[in-house]
Structure formats: C-alpha cells, structure tokens
N, C-alpha and C. Protein backbone atom coordinates (compact mmCIF):
# COMPACT_ATOMS: atom_id res chain seq x y z
N MET A 1 -6.19 -49.08 -51.53
CA MET A 1 -4.77 -48.91 -51.33
C MET A 1 -4.53 -48.64 -49.83
N ALA A 2 -3.47 -49.19 -49.31
CA ALA A 2 -3.14 -49.03 -47.91
C ALA A 2 -2.77 -47.57 -47.59
N ALA A 3 -3.00 -47.20 -46.35
CA ALA A 3 -2.68 -45.84 -45.91
C ALA A 3 -1.19 -45.60 -46.01
N PRO A 4 -0.79 -44.40 -46.40
CA PRO A 4 0.64 -44.10 -46.45
C PRO A 4 1.29 -44.24 -45.08
N PRO A 5 2.58 -44.39 -45.06
CA PRO A 5 3.24 -44.65 -43.80
C PRO A 5 3.26 -43.43 -42.84
N PHE A 6 3.02 -42.23 -43.39
CA PHE A 6 3.14 -41.09 -42.51
C PHE A 6 2.27 -39.94 -43.01
N TRP A 7 1.29 -39.53 -42.20
CA TRP A 7 0.50 -38.32 -42.45
C TRP A 7 0.47 -37.53 -41.16
N SER A 8 0.67 -36.22 -41.25
CA SER A 8 0.64 -35.43 -40.03
C SER A 8 0.19 -34.00 -40.37
N PHE A 9 -0.50 -33.36 -39.45
CA PHE A 9 -0.92 -31.97 -39.65
C PHE A 9 -0.92 -31.26 -38.31
N GLN A 10 -0.23 -30.13 -38.27
CA GLN A 10 -0.19 -29.31 -37.05
C GLN A 10 -0.78 -27.94 -37.35
N THR A 11 -1.56 -27.44 -36.43
CA THR A 11 -2.14 -26.09 -36.57
C THR A 11 -1.60 -25.20 -35.46
N PHE A 12 -1.90 -23.91 -35.56
CA PHE A 12 -1.47 -22.99 -34.50
C PHE A 12 -2.01 -23.42 -33.14
N ALA A 13 -3.18 -24.06 -33.16
CA ALA A 13 -3.79 -24.47 -31.89
C ALA A 13 -3.18 -25.77 -31.36
N THR A 14 -2.95 -26.74 -32.24
CA THR A 14 -2.40 -28.01 -31.78
C THR A 14 -0.91 -27.88 -31.46
N ASP A 15 -0.29 -26.83 -31.93
CA ASP A 15 1.14 -26.59 -31.69
C ASP A 15 1.39 -26.30 -30.21
N PHE A 16 0.54 -25.53 -29.58
CA PHE A 16 0.82 -25.13 -28.20
C PHE A 16 -0.25 -25.52 -27.19
N LEU A 17 -1.38 -25.99 -27.64
CA LEU A 17 -2.43 -26.39 -26.69
C LEU A 17 -2.64 -27.89 -26.75
N PRO A 18 -2.77 -28.53 -25.57
CA PRO A 18 -3.00 -29.98 -25.57
C PRO A 18 -4.46 -30.35 -25.80
N VAL A 19 -5.31 -29.40 -26.23
CA VAL A 19 -6.71 -29.70 -26.45
C VAL A 19 -7.05 -29.60 -27.92
N THR A 20 -8.08 -30.35 -28.31
CA THR A 20 -8.54 -30.29 -29.68
C THR A 20 -9.83 -29.48 -29.73
N GLY A 21 -10.26 -29.15 -30.93
CA GLY A 21 -11.52 -28.44 -31.11
C GLY A 21 -11.38 -26.98 -31.43
N ILE A 22 -10.17 -26.42 -31.35
CA ILE A 22 -9.99 -25.00 -31.73
C ILE A 22 -9.75 -24.94 -33.21
N LEU A 23 -8.66 -25.55 -33.69
CA LEU A 23 -8.40 -25.73 -35.12
C LEU A 23 -7.62 -27.00 -35.29
N ASP A 24 -8.33 -28.02 -35.77
CA ASP A 24 -7.75 -29.32 -36.01
C ASP A 24 -7.68 -29.54 -37.50
N ALA A 25 -6.71 -30.31 -37.93
CA ALA A 25 -6.58 -30.61 -39.34
C ALA A 25 -6.03 -32.03 -39.51
N ALA A 26 -6.36 -32.63 -40.65
CA ALA A 26 -5.86 -33.96 -40.93
C ALA A 26 -5.80 -34.17 -42.44
N ILE A 27 -4.77 -34.85 -42.87
CA ILE A 27 -4.70 -35.26 -44.26
C ILE A 27 -5.52 -36.52 -44.37
N THR A 28 -6.40 -36.57 -45.37
CA THR A 28 -7.32 -37.71 -45.47
C THR A 28 -7.03 -38.60 -46.65
N ASP A 29 -6.19 -38.13 -47.62
CA ASP A 29 -5.91 -38.98 -48.76
C ASP A 29 -4.65 -38.48 -49.46
N LEU A 30 -3.85 -39.42 -49.90
CA LEU A 30 -2.71 -39.18 -50.80
C LEU A 30 -2.66 -40.36 -51.74
N THR A 31 -2.92 -40.11 -53.00
CA THR A 31 -3.00 -41.19 -53.98
C THR A 31 -2.19 -40.85 -55.23
N VAL A 32 -1.34 -41.80 -55.63
CA VAL A 32 -0.67 -41.71 -56.93
C VAL A 32 -1.61 -42.38 -57.93
N GLN A 33 -1.92 -41.67 -59.02
CA GLN A 33 -2.91 -42.15 -59.99
C GLN A 33 -2.27 -42.36 -61.36
N ASP A 34 -2.73 -43.34 -62.06
CA ASP A 34 -2.31 -43.61 -63.43
C ASP A 34 -3.39 -43.21 -64.38
N PRO A 35 -3.29 -42.02 -65.06
CA PRO A 35 -4.33 -41.56 -65.95
C PRO A 35 -4.48 -42.43 -67.21
N THR A 36 -3.48 -43.24 -67.51
CA THR A 36 -3.61 -44.14 -68.66
C THR A 36 -4.44 -45.37 -68.29
N GLU A 37 -4.77 -45.52 -67.02
CA GLU A 37 -5.59 -46.62 -66.52
C GLU A 37 -6.77 -46.09 -65.73
N ALA A 38 -7.47 -45.09 -66.29
CA ALA A 38 -8.67 -44.51 -65.67
C ALA A 38 -8.42 -43.99 -64.26
N ASN A 39 -7.24 -43.39 -64.07
CA ASN A 39 -6.85 -42.80 -62.78
C ASN A 39 -6.85 -43.78 -61.61
N GLU A 40 -6.55 -45.05 -61.91
CA GLU A 40 -6.48 -46.03 -60.81
C GLU A 40 -5.30 -45.69 -59.92
N ALA A 41 -5.44 -46.03 -58.64
CA ALA A 41 -4.32 -45.87 -57.70
C ALA A 41 -3.24 -46.88 -58.06
N THR A 42 -2.00 -46.43 -57.98
CA THR A 42 -0.90 -47.32 -58.38
C THR A 42 0.33 -47.07 -57.57
N LEU A 43 1.21 -48.05 -57.52
CA LEU A 43 2.55 -47.93 -56.95
C LEU A 43 3.61 -48.16 -58.00
N LEU A 44 3.16 -48.47 -59.24
CA LEU A 44 4.07 -48.75 -60.34
C LEU A 44 3.75 -47.82 -61.50
N LEU A 45 4.75 -47.05 -61.91
CA LEU A 45 4.59 -46.10 -63.02
C LEU A 45 5.62 -46.41 -64.09
N GLU A 46 5.24 -46.11 -65.34
CA GLU A 46 6.23 -46.22 -66.42
C GLU A 46 6.73 -44.82 -66.70
N PRO A 47 8.04 -44.68 -66.95
CA PRO A 47 8.61 -43.32 -67.13
C PRO A 47 7.99 -42.54 -68.28
N ASP A 48 7.51 -43.25 -69.30
CA ASP A 48 6.98 -42.53 -70.48
C ASP A 48 5.47 -42.30 -70.42
N ASP A 49 4.88 -42.51 -69.22
CA ASP A 49 3.47 -42.24 -69.00
C ASP A 49 3.30 -41.06 -68.05
N PRO A 50 2.25 -40.25 -68.24
CA PRO A 50 1.97 -39.19 -67.26
C PRO A 50 1.42 -39.83 -65.98
N PHE A 51 1.43 -39.07 -64.90
CA PHE A 51 0.78 -39.54 -63.68
C PHE A 51 0.27 -38.34 -62.88
N ASN A 52 -0.63 -38.66 -61.95
CA ASN A 52 -1.22 -37.62 -61.08
C ASN A 52 -0.95 -37.99 -59.65
N VAL A 53 -0.90 -36.97 -58.79
CA VAL A 53 -0.84 -37.20 -57.34
C VAL A 53 -1.95 -36.31 -56.76
N SER A 54 -2.90 -36.97 -56.07
CA SER A 54 -3.96 -36.21 -55.43
C SER A 54 -3.78 -36.25 -53.93
N VAL A 55 -4.13 -35.14 -53.31
CA VAL A 55 -4.07 -35.05 -51.85
C VAL A 55 -5.33 -34.32 -51.37
N SER A 56 -5.87 -34.78 -50.25
CA SER A 56 -7.04 -34.17 -49.64
C SER A 56 -6.77 -33.97 -48.14
N TRP A 57 -7.36 -32.92 -47.59
CA TRP A 57 -7.23 -32.66 -46.16
C TRP A 57 -8.46 -31.97 -45.64
N THR A 58 -8.63 -32.01 -44.33
CA THR A 58 -9.76 -31.38 -43.69
C THR A 58 -9.26 -30.46 -42.57
N VAL A 59 -10.01 -29.43 -42.31
CA VAL A 59 -9.79 -28.55 -41.14
C VAL A 59 -11.13 -28.40 -40.47
N ASN A 60 -11.14 -28.36 -39.15
CA ASN A 60 -12.37 -28.17 -38.41
C ASN A 60 -12.06 -27.62 -37.04
N GLY A 61 -13.13 -27.21 -36.34
CA GLY A 61 -12.95 -26.66 -35.02
C GLY A 61 -13.53 -25.24 -34.95
N ALA A 62 -13.51 -24.67 -33.78
CA ALA A 62 -14.12 -23.36 -33.53
C ALA A 62 -13.51 -22.26 -34.38
N ALA A 63 -12.24 -22.37 -34.74
CA ALA A 63 -11.57 -21.27 -35.49
C ALA A 63 -11.60 -21.44 -36.99
N VAL A 64 -12.26 -22.49 -37.50
CA VAL A 64 -12.19 -22.75 -38.94
C VAL A 64 -12.82 -21.60 -39.75
N CYS A 65 -13.86 -20.96 -39.23
CA CYS A 65 -14.48 -19.87 -39.98
C CYS A 65 -13.69 -18.57 -39.95
N SER A 66 -12.71 -18.49 -39.08
CA SER A 66 -11.88 -17.29 -39.02
C SER A 66 -10.55 -17.46 -39.80
N LEU A 67 -10.36 -18.64 -40.36
CA LEU A 67 -9.16 -18.91 -41.14
C LEU A 67 -9.28 -18.30 -42.52
N GLY A 68 -8.29 -17.59 -42.95
CA GLY A 68 -8.25 -17.02 -44.29
C GLY A 68 -6.91 -17.32 -44.90
N GLY A 69 -6.63 -16.73 -46.03
CA GLY A 69 -5.32 -16.88 -46.67
C GLY A 69 -5.34 -17.94 -47.74
N THR A 70 -4.18 -18.63 -47.86
CA THR A 70 -3.99 -19.57 -48.96
C THR A 70 -3.21 -20.78 -48.45
N TRP A 71 -3.65 -21.96 -48.87
CA TRP A 71 -2.86 -23.18 -48.65
C TRP A 71 -1.82 -23.21 -49.78
N GLN A 72 -0.58 -23.51 -49.46
CA GLN A 72 0.50 -23.64 -50.43
C GLN A 72 0.87 -25.11 -50.47
N VAL A 73 0.51 -25.84 -51.53
CA VAL A 73 0.68 -27.28 -51.56
C VAL A 73 1.83 -27.63 -52.57
N SER A 74 2.80 -28.36 -52.08
CA SER A 74 3.96 -28.71 -52.88
C SER A 74 4.18 -30.23 -52.86
N LEU A 75 4.77 -30.72 -53.95
CA LEU A 75 5.07 -32.16 -54.09
C LEU A 75 6.57 -32.30 -54.27
N TYR A 76 7.14 -33.23 -53.51
CA TYR A 76 8.59 -33.50 -53.58
C TYR A 76 8.81 -35.00 -53.80
N ILE A 77 9.97 -35.32 -54.39
CA ILE A 77 10.33 -36.71 -54.67
C ILE A 77 11.78 -36.93 -54.26
N ASN A 78 12.06 -38.14 -53.73
CA ASN A 78 13.42 -38.49 -53.40
C ASN A 78 13.60 -39.97 -53.68
N ASP A 79 14.76 -40.29 -54.29
CA ASP A 79 15.01 -41.71 -54.51
C ASP A 79 15.31 -42.42 -53.21
N ILE A 80 14.81 -43.64 -53.09
CA ILE A 80 15.11 -44.42 -51.88
C ILE A 80 15.91 -45.67 -52.20
N ASP A 81 16.27 -45.82 -53.48
CA ASP A 81 17.08 -46.97 -53.88
C ASP A 81 18.55 -46.62 -54.11
N GLY A 82 18.87 -45.31 -54.02
CA GLY A 82 20.24 -44.88 -54.28
C GLY A 82 20.60 -44.86 -55.74
N VAL A 83 19.61 -45.12 -56.63
CA VAL A 83 19.87 -45.20 -58.06
C VAL A 83 19.07 -44.15 -58.81
N GLY A 84 17.80 -44.00 -58.43
CA GLY A 84 16.91 -43.06 -59.15
C GLY A 84 17.48 -41.64 -59.15
N PRO A 85 17.59 -41.01 -60.30
CA PRO A 85 18.21 -39.67 -60.38
C PRO A 85 17.24 -38.51 -60.09
N THR A 86 15.96 -38.76 -60.03
CA THR A 86 14.97 -37.67 -59.86
C THR A 86 14.88 -37.33 -58.38
N ARG A 87 14.93 -36.03 -58.08
CA ARG A 87 14.81 -35.56 -56.68
C ARG A 87 14.37 -34.12 -56.66
N GLY A 88 13.89 -33.70 -55.51
CA GLY A 88 13.45 -32.30 -55.35
C GLY A 88 11.98 -32.10 -55.63
N GLN A 89 11.61 -30.86 -55.89
CA GLN A 89 10.19 -30.53 -56.12
C GLN A 89 9.74 -30.98 -57.50
N LEU A 90 8.55 -31.57 -57.56
CA LEU A 90 7.92 -31.95 -58.81
C LEU A 90 6.82 -30.94 -59.13
N GLY A 91 6.85 -30.34 -60.27
CA GLY A 91 5.80 -29.37 -60.62
C GLY A 91 5.93 -28.12 -59.78
N SER A 92 4.94 -27.29 -59.88
CA SER A 92 4.89 -26.03 -59.16
C SER A 92 4.03 -26.15 -57.91
N THR A 93 4.27 -25.27 -56.94
CA THR A 93 3.42 -25.20 -55.76
C THR A 93 2.05 -24.77 -56.19
N ILE A 94 1.04 -25.44 -55.67
CA ILE A 94 -0.36 -25.13 -56.00
C ILE A 94 -0.97 -24.27 -54.91
N PRO A 95 -1.39 -23.05 -55.23
CA PRO A 95 -2.07 -22.23 -54.23
C PRO A 95 -3.56 -22.58 -54.18
N ILE A 96 -4.09 -22.85 -53.02
CA ILE A 96 -5.49 -23.17 -52.81
C ILE A 96 -6.08 -22.12 -51.85
N ALA A 97 -7.02 -21.34 -52.33
CA ALA A 97 -7.61 -20.28 -51.50
C ALA A 97 -8.38 -20.92 -50.34
N VAL A 98 -8.17 -20.34 -49.15
CA VAL A 98 -8.94 -20.75 -47.97
C VAL A 98 -10.27 -20.03 -48.05
N VAL A 99 -11.35 -20.80 -48.02
CA VAL A 99 -12.70 -20.24 -48.14
C VAL A 99 -13.36 -20.32 -46.77
N GLY A 100 -13.96 -19.20 -46.32
CA GLY A 100 -14.54 -19.13 -45.01
C GLY A 100 -15.45 -20.30 -44.67
N CYS A 101 -15.16 -20.96 -43.58
CA CYS A 101 -15.91 -22.08 -43.02
C CYS A 101 -15.79 -23.39 -43.83
N GLN A 102 -15.02 -23.38 -44.91
CA GLN A 102 -14.84 -24.60 -45.72
C GLN A 102 -13.97 -25.59 -44.90
N THR A 103 -14.35 -26.85 -44.91
CA THR A 103 -13.60 -27.82 -44.11
C THR A 103 -12.81 -28.83 -44.96
N ASN A 104 -13.18 -29.03 -46.22
CA ASN A 104 -12.50 -30.04 -47.08
C ASN A 104 -11.78 -29.37 -48.21
N TYR A 105 -10.53 -29.80 -48.44
CA TYR A 105 -9.71 -29.25 -49.51
C TYR A 105 -9.06 -30.38 -50.30
N ASP A 106 -8.75 -30.08 -51.54
CA ASP A 106 -8.09 -31.03 -52.44
C ASP A 106 -7.10 -30.31 -53.32
N ALA A 107 -6.04 -31.03 -53.70
CA ALA A 107 -5.11 -30.54 -54.72
C ALA A 107 -4.74 -31.71 -55.60
N LEU A 108 -4.50 -31.41 -56.87
CA LEU A 108 -4.14 -32.44 -57.85
C LEU A 108 -2.90 -31.98 -58.61
N PHE A 109 -1.86 -32.77 -58.55
CA PHE A 109 -0.65 -32.54 -59.33
C PHE A 109 -0.77 -33.39 -60.59
N VAL A 110 -0.70 -32.77 -61.75
CA VAL A 110 -0.77 -33.47 -63.03
C VAL A 110 0.65 -33.38 -63.63
N LEU A 111 1.28 -34.52 -63.70
CA LEU A 111 2.69 -34.56 -64.14
C LEU A 111 2.81 -35.25 -65.50
N PRO A 112 3.54 -34.62 -66.41
CA PRO A 112 3.64 -35.18 -67.76
C PRO A 112 4.57 -36.41 -67.81
N ALA A 113 4.48 -37.13 -68.92
CA ALA A 113 5.38 -38.22 -69.15
C ALA A 113 6.83 -37.78 -69.06
N ASN A 114 7.71 -38.69 -68.71
CA ASN A 114 9.14 -38.45 -68.63
C ASN A 114 9.54 -37.42 -67.57
N THR A 115 8.71 -37.29 -66.54
CA THR A 115 9.02 -36.40 -65.42
C THR A 115 9.98 -37.10 -64.45
N VAL A 116 9.83 -38.42 -64.30
CA VAL A 116 10.60 -39.20 -63.34
C VAL A 116 11.29 -40.33 -64.06
N ALA A 117 12.58 -40.48 -63.81
CA ALA A 117 13.38 -41.56 -64.41
C ALA A 117 13.23 -42.85 -63.60
N ASP A 118 13.66 -43.95 -64.16
CA ASP A 118 13.59 -45.24 -63.49
C ASP A 118 14.19 -45.19 -62.08
N GLY A 119 13.53 -45.85 -61.16
CA GLY A 119 14.03 -45.91 -59.78
C GLY A 119 12.91 -46.22 -58.80
N VAL A 120 13.24 -46.28 -57.53
CA VAL A 120 12.27 -46.44 -56.47
C VAL A 120 12.29 -45.17 -55.67
N TYR A 121 11.08 -44.59 -55.44
CA TYR A 121 10.98 -43.25 -54.90
C TYR A 121 9.99 -43.15 -53.75
N GLN A 122 10.11 -42.10 -52.98
CA GLN A 122 9.14 -41.70 -51.96
C GLN A 122 8.63 -40.31 -52.35
N LEU A 123 7.35 -40.09 -52.29
CA LEU A 123 6.76 -38.80 -52.55
C LEU A 123 6.35 -38.17 -51.23
N VAL A 124 6.53 -36.87 -51.11
CA VAL A 124 6.12 -36.15 -49.94
C VAL A 124 5.33 -34.90 -50.38
N VAL A 125 4.15 -34.72 -49.84
CA VAL A 125 3.36 -33.53 -50.09
C VAL A 125 3.44 -32.65 -48.84
N THR A 126 3.71 -31.36 -49.06
CA THR A 126 3.69 -30.44 -47.93
C THR A 126 2.51 -29.46 -48.15
N ILE A 127 1.81 -29.18 -47.07
CA ILE A 127 0.72 -28.24 -47.10
C ILE A 127 1.04 -27.15 -46.09
N ASN A 128 1.34 -25.97 -46.59
CA ASN A 128 1.66 -24.83 -45.75
C ASN A 128 0.53 -23.82 -45.86
N HIS A 129 0.48 -22.90 -44.93
CA HIS A 129 -0.58 -21.88 -44.94
C HIS A 129 0.06 -20.52 -44.92
N SER A 130 -0.34 -19.66 -45.85
CA SER A 130 0.09 -18.27 -45.82
C SER A 130 -1.12 -17.41 -45.44
N PRO A 131 -0.92 -16.40 -44.60
CA PRO A 131 -2.05 -15.60 -44.11
C PRO A 131 -2.65 -14.74 -45.20
N GLN A 132 -3.88 -14.35 -44.98
CA GLN A 132 -4.57 -13.47 -45.91
C GLN A 132 -3.81 -12.16 -46.09
N GLY A 133 -3.60 -11.78 -47.34
CA GLY A 133 -2.89 -10.55 -47.62
C GLY A 133 -1.38 -10.68 -47.56
N GLY A 134 -0.86 -11.85 -47.15
CA GLY A 134 0.54 -12.05 -47.06
C GLY A 134 1.11 -12.75 -48.30
N PRO A 135 2.40 -12.62 -48.54
CA PRO A 135 3.01 -13.32 -49.66
C PRO A 135 3.07 -14.82 -49.43
N ALA A 136 3.19 -15.58 -50.49
CA ALA A 136 3.23 -17.04 -50.37
C ALA A 136 4.38 -17.53 -49.54
N THR A 137 5.41 -16.71 -49.41
CA THR A 137 6.57 -17.12 -48.64
C THR A 137 6.44 -16.85 -47.15
N THR A 138 5.42 -16.11 -46.74
CA THR A 138 5.15 -15.88 -45.32
C THR A 138 4.22 -16.98 -44.85
N LEU A 139 4.64 -17.80 -43.91
CA LEU A 139 3.87 -18.97 -43.53
C LEU A 139 3.46 -18.92 -42.07
N THR A 140 2.32 -19.48 -41.78
CA THR A 140 1.84 -19.60 -40.40
C THR A 140 2.29 -20.93 -39.80
N GLU A 141 1.81 -21.24 -38.59
CA GLU A 141 2.15 -22.51 -37.93
C GLU A 141 1.24 -23.64 -38.37
N ASN A 142 0.42 -23.46 -39.37
CA ASN A 142 -0.43 -24.52 -39.89
C ASN A 142 0.34 -25.23 -41.01
N VAL A 143 0.71 -26.49 -40.76
CA VAL A 143 1.52 -27.21 -41.74
C VAL A 143 1.18 -28.71 -41.68
N GLY A 144 1.12 -29.27 -42.87
CA GLY A 144 0.84 -30.72 -42.96
C GLY A 144 1.84 -31.41 -43.91
N PHE A 145 2.05 -32.69 -43.63
CA PHE A 145 2.92 -33.51 -44.43
C PHE A 145 2.24 -34.84 -44.71
N ALA A 146 2.39 -35.33 -45.94
CA ALA A 146 1.91 -36.67 -46.26
C ALA A 146 2.99 -37.34 -47.08
N GLN A 147 3.32 -38.54 -46.68
CA GLN A 147 4.34 -39.33 -47.34
C GLN A 147 3.68 -40.52 -48.02
N SER A 148 4.02 -40.76 -49.25
CA SER A 148 3.42 -41.87 -50.00
C SER A 148 4.08 -43.20 -49.61
N ASN A 149 3.41 -44.25 -50.01
CA ASN A 149 4.09 -45.56 -50.02
C ASN A 149 5.18 -45.44 -51.07
N PRO A 150 6.20 -46.28 -51.04
CA PRO A 150 7.18 -46.26 -52.10
C PRO A 150 6.53 -46.49 -53.45
N ILE A 151 7.07 -45.86 -54.48
CA ILE A 151 6.62 -46.10 -55.84
C ILE A 151 7.80 -46.54 -56.68
N LYS A 152 7.54 -47.38 -57.64
CA LYS A 152 8.58 -47.84 -58.56
C LYS A 152 8.26 -47.28 -59.93
N VAL A 153 9.29 -46.72 -60.56
CA VAL A 153 9.16 -46.22 -61.93
C VAL A 153 10.07 -47.08 -62.78
N THR A 154 9.46 -47.81 -63.72
CA THR A 154 10.23 -48.71 -64.57
C THR A 154 9.46 -49.01 -65.82
N THR A 155 10.11 -49.35 -66.88
CA THR A 155 9.43 -49.78 -68.11
C THR A 155 9.01 -51.23 -67.89
N THR A 156 7.76 -51.52 -68.26
CA THR A 156 7.24 -52.88 -68.07
C THR A 156 6.94 -53.48 -69.43
N VAL A 157 6.73 -54.78 -69.45
CA VAL A 157 6.34 -55.50 -70.64
C VAL A 157 4.99 -56.12 -70.40
N ALA A 158 4.22 -56.29 -71.48
CA ALA A 158 2.89 -56.95 -71.37
C ALA A 158 3.08 -58.42 -71.07
N GLU A 159 2.33 -58.94 -70.16
CA GLU A 159 2.40 -60.38 -69.83
C GLU A 159 1.56 -61.13 -70.81
N THR A 160 2.09 -62.27 -71.30
CA THR A 160 1.32 -63.10 -72.24
C THR A 160 0.35 -63.96 -71.42
N GLY A 161 -0.82 -64.20 -72.02
CA GLY A 161 -1.79 -65.03 -71.36
C GLY A 161 -2.58 -64.32 -70.27
N SER A 162 -2.39 -63.00 -70.12
CA SER A 162 -3.15 -62.30 -69.12
C SER A 162 -4.53 -61.92 -69.67
N PRO A 163 -5.53 -61.85 -68.80
CA PRO A 163 -6.87 -61.48 -69.30
C PRO A 163 -6.91 -60.06 -69.78
N ASP A 164 -7.82 -59.79 -70.71
CA ASP A 164 -7.95 -58.42 -71.24
C ASP A 164 -8.56 -57.48 -70.24
C-alpha cells in the first residue's frame, strides 16, 4: 500500500534544536485493515463489517532511555465528500506505556461493524505524550500525526465471474 499523504512527528528536541540525535521520532506505518479478509490492507470498507487501524512509530536518540510516561494514541475521522455523516474521535484513546530504552511502539484500534456510515473519509491518528506521573491530559512537546489515504465506506456486491 502506498505511503499516506502526511506523517509527521515532533519531539521536545526537534521543536527547538536544528540538530538530530537527541530525541527523534517517526511514524513508520498507518494501515487500515479488513479483519474479514485476513487483516489485509484496504481503502474500501463495508459499513456492516468491522475494521482495524494499526499505527507504528519509532523513537531514538541520546534521550530515548530517559523518556518515561505514556503515549496517548487517538483515532479521528472526517468526511471528505461532504456526505459522510461520521466525524470526530473513533473509539477510545489508547494509552501505551513508555518503556525505558524501547524504540518501537504500536497501537491497534479495533472497530466494530456499523461504526462508520457510507461516505469517503480521511483518518488521522494523533500520538501525544504525557509525562511520567502526570495525568493523560498533561502533554509534553512530543507529538505525532499520521493521515491515511482516503477510504471509502460503501456496501458492495459480489462480482460475477471473479476468481475464488
């Protein structure tokens, strides 16, 4: 699947320093998956089927082992066709504990059938960081965004003469 149109990650170090190597981060994957088709990547969903959204990111640099706290990962949807009625946050924010010196992280949103109505949509994942001992609403300058390719949600019909 092609790379999404927009992935970005800013850390406290990249925010004010023009150098890398202190604390760098990057989103490495954002995939919409169809669990009814062995979790294949897809841009077409049926409203009465469940779907998953997986996101992965990395952090590295000299400060990675001093990072603590929790990643707060959220999924949002917005219609881009002016017709789709679904918008706002999908599911709950997923807290991911920051583990000392860990560089790779993943989150999986598992969404039930009938979560999204027919339409064309854009998905956006936000990755925020709350410091160790702080509430989830207290956030640091470490923040990432990943935007999906457009997805279409519509009821489809089986094509005749297609291979099994």
